[in-house]
Protein backbone atom coordinates (compact mmCIF):
# COMPACT_ATOMS: atom_id res chain seq x y z
CA MET A 1 55.94 71.33 -10.95
CA THR A 2 52.67 69.22 -11.20
CA ARG A 3 51.71 70.98 -7.79
CA TYR A 4 52.15 74.31 -9.28
CA ALA A 5 50.30 73.57 -12.45
CA PHE A 6 47.46 72.35 -10.29
CA LEU A 7 47.74 75.58 -8.25
CA ALA A 8 47.57 77.55 -11.40
CA LEU A 9 44.54 75.73 -12.61
CA ALA A 10 42.71 76.09 -9.45
CA LEU A 11 43.31 79.68 -9.34
CA ALA A 12 42.41 80.38 -13.05
CA LEU A 13 39.06 78.37 -12.45
CA ALA A 14 38.44 80.48 -9.49
CA ALA A 15 38.88 83.52 -11.21
CA CYS A 16 36.39 82.73 -13.84
CA GLY A 17 34.08 81.38 -11.00
CA GLY A 18 32.29 84.70 -10.57
CA SER A 19 29.40 83.16 -12.48
CA THR A 20 26.12 84.36 -11.88
CA SER A 21 23.06 82.40 -12.43
CA GLY A 22 24.24 81.26 -15.61
CA LEU A 23 21.45 82.98 -17.67
CA ASN A 24 22.61 83.78 -21.28
CA SER A 25 20.96 86.15 -24.00
CA ALA A 26 18.60 83.42 -25.44
CA GLU A 27 17.04 82.71 -21.90
CA ILE A 28 16.78 86.64 -21.20
CA GLN A 29 15.20 87.14 -24.67
CA ALA A 30 12.53 84.06 -24.18
CA PHE A 31 11.69 85.88 -20.92
CA ASN A 32 11.15 89.21 -22.72
CA THR A 33 9.38 87.65 -25.73
CA ALA A 34 6.79 85.54 -23.25
CA ALA A 35 6.17 89.14 -21.40
CA GLN A 36 5.49 90.68 -24.78
CA GLY A 37 3.23 87.93 -25.65
CA ILE A 38 1.35 88.20 -22.43
CA SER A 39 0.84 92.03 -23.13
CA ALA A 40 -0.16 91.32 -26.76
CA ALA A 41 -2.88 88.47 -25.76
CA ALA A 42 -4.09 90.98 -22.83
CA ALA A 43 -4.60 93.86 -25.51
CA THR A 44 -6.26 91.37 -28.04
CA TYR A 45 -8.65 90.25 -25.13
CA GLY A 46 -9.31 93.80 -24.15
CA THR A 47 -10.44 94.55 -27.87
CA GLN A 48 -12.64 91.38 -27.76
CA ALA A 49 -14.12 92.40 -24.64
CA ALA A 50 -15.05 95.64 -25.47
CA ALA A 51 -17.30 93.97 -28.30
CA MET A 52 -18.99 91.50 -26.06
CA THR A 53 -22.59 91.13 -26.51
CA ASN A 54 -23.74 88.30 -24.40
CA ALA A 55 -22.65 85.66 -21.66
CA GLY A 56 -21.30 83.41 -24.38
CA THR A 57 -19.00 85.77 -25.99
CA CYS A 58 -17.79 86.73 -22.70
CA SER A 59 -17.11 83.34 -21.54
CA ASN A 60 -15.36 82.28 -24.99
CA ALA A 61 -13.17 85.45 -25.25
CA GLN A 62 -12.16 85.06 -21.52
CA ALA A 63 -11.23 81.10 -21.81
CA THR A 64 -9.37 81.74 -25.22
CA TYR A 65 -7.36 84.38 -23.51
CA ALA A 66 -6.52 82.36 -20.46
CA ASN A 67 -5.50 79.24 -22.52
CA GLN A 68 -3.11 81.69 -24.52
CA VAL A 69 -1.72 83.28 -21.54
CA GLN A 70 -1.08 80.48 -19.22
CA PRO A 71 2.07 78.84 -21.09
CA MET A 72 3.84 82.34 -21.40
CA LEU A 73 2.84 83.24 -17.82
CA ALA A 74 4.27 79.70 -16.47
CA GLN A 75 7.36 80.60 -18.49
CA THR A 76 7.94 83.72 -16.78
CA LYS A 77 7.11 82.05 -13.54
CA THR A 78 9.76 79.37 -14.19
CA MET A 79 12.54 81.81 -15.24
CA GLY A 80 11.72 84.60 -12.51
CA THR A 81 13.78 83.21 -9.81
CA ALA A 82 16.86 82.81 -12.06
CA MET A 83 16.34 86.30 -13.52
CA ASP A 84 16.06 87.62 -9.96
CA LYS A 85 19.32 85.68 -8.89
CA GLN A 86 20.97 87.33 -12.10
CA MET A 87 19.82 90.98 -10.93
CA GLY A 88 21.10 90.20 -7.43
CA SER A 89 24.47 89.03 -8.67
CA MET A 90 24.77 92.20 -10.70
CA GLY A 91 24.24 94.24 -7.52
CA HIS A 92 20.55 94.98 -8.43
CA MET A 93 18.80 93.40 -5.46
CA ALA A 94 15.84 95.80 -5.31
CA ASP A 95 15.23 95.06 -9.04
CA GLY A 96 15.09 91.39 -8.46
CA ASP A 97 11.11 91.05 -8.51
CA MET A 98 10.39 89.00 -11.60
CA GLU A 99 9.33 86.08 -9.88
CA CYS A 100 7.14 88.41 -7.64
CA ALA A 101 5.64 89.82 -11.00
CA ALA A 102 5.07 86.60 -12.45
CA ASN A 103 3.20 85.48 -9.50
CA ALA A 104 1.22 88.72 -9.38
CA MET A 105 0.10 88.15 -13.04
CA GLU A 106 -0.95 84.53 -12.05
CA ALA A 107 -2.83 85.73 -9.16
CA GLU A 108 -4.59 88.37 -11.30
CA LEU A 109 -5.38 85.84 -14.10
CA ALA A 110 -7.14 83.61 -11.47
CA ARG A 111 -8.79 86.48 -9.81
CA HIS A 112 -10.28 87.60 -13.23
CA GLY A 113 -11.17 84.06 -14.21
CA GLY A 114 -13.42 83.83 -11.24
CA VAL A 115 -15.38 87.06 -12.00
CA ALA A 116 -14.88 87.95 -15.81
CA CYS A 117 -18.49 87.14 -16.81
CA ALA A 118 -20.17 87.59 -13.61
CA SER A 119 -23.10 89.38 -15.29
CA ALA A 120 -25.19 87.05 -17.41
CA THR A 121 -27.42 89.82 -18.87
CA ASP A 122 -25.70 93.24 -18.57
CA MET A 123 -22.17 93.28 -20.37
CA THR A 124 -21.27 96.77 -19.17
CA PRO A 125 -19.81 95.28 -15.72
CA ASN A 126 -18.18 92.45 -17.58
CA LYS A 127 -16.47 94.96 -20.11
CA THR A 128 -15.25 97.00 -17.16
CA GLU A 129 -13.86 93.97 -15.18
CA ALA A 130 -12.09 92.94 -18.48
CA ALA A 131 -10.67 96.51 -19.09
CA GLN A 132 -9.25 96.63 -15.49
CA HIS A 133 -7.75 93.28 -15.88
CA VAL A 134 -6.13 94.10 -19.23
CA ALA A 135 -4.59 97.18 -17.59
CA THR A 136 -3.40 95.32 -14.74
CA MET A 137 -1.72 92.68 -17.01
CA GLU A 138 -0.26 95.18 -19.21
CA LEU A 139 1.31 96.98 -16.40
CA TRP A 140 2.75 93.86 -14.96
CA ALA A 141 3.91 92.45 -18.50
CA ASN A 142 5.76 95.88 -19.30
CA HIS A 143 7.30 95.63 -15.88
CA GLN A 144 8.89 92.51 -16.83
CA MET A 145 10.04 93.64 -20.38
CA VAL A 146 11.65 96.77 -18.68
CA ARG A 147 13.47 94.40 -16.31
CA SER A 148 14.60 91.96 -18.81
CA ASN A 149 15.74 94.87 -21.19
CA ALA A 150 17.50 96.21 -18.02
CA MET A 151 19.42 92.96 -17.48
CA SER A 152 20.43 92.66 -21.09
CA SER A 153 21.99 96.11 -21.05
CA MET A 154 23.69 95.60 -17.66
CA MET A 155 24.98 92.17 -19.28
CA GLU A 156 25.97 94.21 -22.47
CA MET A 157 24.43 91.39 -24.84
CA GLY A 158 23.37 93.44 -27.28
CA MET A 159 20.49 91.25 -28.17
CA MET A 160 21.23 92.12 -31.80
CA GLY A 161 19.72 95.38 -31.66
CA GLY A 162 18.15 95.06 -28.37
CA MET A 163 14.99 93.56 -27.31
CA ASN A 164 11.54 94.90 -28.11
CA GLY A 165 8.76 96.03 -25.52
CA GLY A 166 8.86 97.65 -22.45
CA SER A 167 8.84 101.43 -21.95
CA GLY A 168 9.75 103.90 -19.46
CA SER A 169 11.01 102.98 -15.95
CA THR A 170 9.14 100.60 -13.59
CA GLY A 171 8.59 100.36 -9.98
CA HIS A 172 8.80 97.26 -7.84
CA CYS A 173 6.51 94.18 -7.10
CA VAL A 174 5.55 93.88 -3.43
CA HIS A 175 4.29 90.57 -2.02
CA ASN A 176 1.72 91.71 0.54
CA ALA A 177 1.39 89.82 3.84
CA ASP A 178 -2.37 89.13 3.09
CA GLY A 179 -1.13 87.21 -0.17
CA SER A 180 -2.04 90.05 -2.67
CA TYR A 181 0.55 91.82 -4.91
CA THR A 182 1.14 95.50 -5.25
CA PHE A 183 3.08 97.45 -7.79
CA GLN A 184 4.75 100.32 -6.16
CA PRO A 185 5.98 102.85 -8.73
C-alpha cells in the first residue's frame, strides 16, 4: 500500500512538473515596467537634448539620463534569460530574444555615452546623435514591452487589465558576429 501511495505521489508530482522557468506575473510586470521606464527616460532625454545650448547642458543631460536608465537596463538584462526560457517553454523560441535586446540597449547606451557630446561648440551634431540614440532606445524598449505583453497573454495572467506600453508587432534581435546588434523586422 505504501509503495502505491508513493507511486501515486510521484506521478502527481511529475504531472505538475511541466514547470517553465518559474516566472510569475509580478516578474513579467516588473520587466515590462522597466522597459516602460527606459522608453520614458529616453523620451525625456530627447526633449532635453533638443534644447541643449552648450557642452555643459549636453554633458549634464546625457549623464543624468545614463544614470537613470542604467538600473532599469540592468533589471531587463538580469531577467532576460528567464524571459527567453519562458518563451521557449511555451513553444516560442524565435521570440526568446529579450536578453539580446537588453544587451543591444546596453551596447547602444555605451556607444552613445562615448559620442554624445563630441562637439564642444556646435550643438547640431550632438542633437542629431541624441535623436538617433533616443529612436534606437525607444525601438528596443518597445520590443521588450511587446514581448512581455505577449508573454503575459500566452500565460493568461490577465495582469489586472493588462500591461501598459508596447505597441504593434515587433521584429527580432540579432547579435551579429562582429558584436553589434540588429533589429530585424
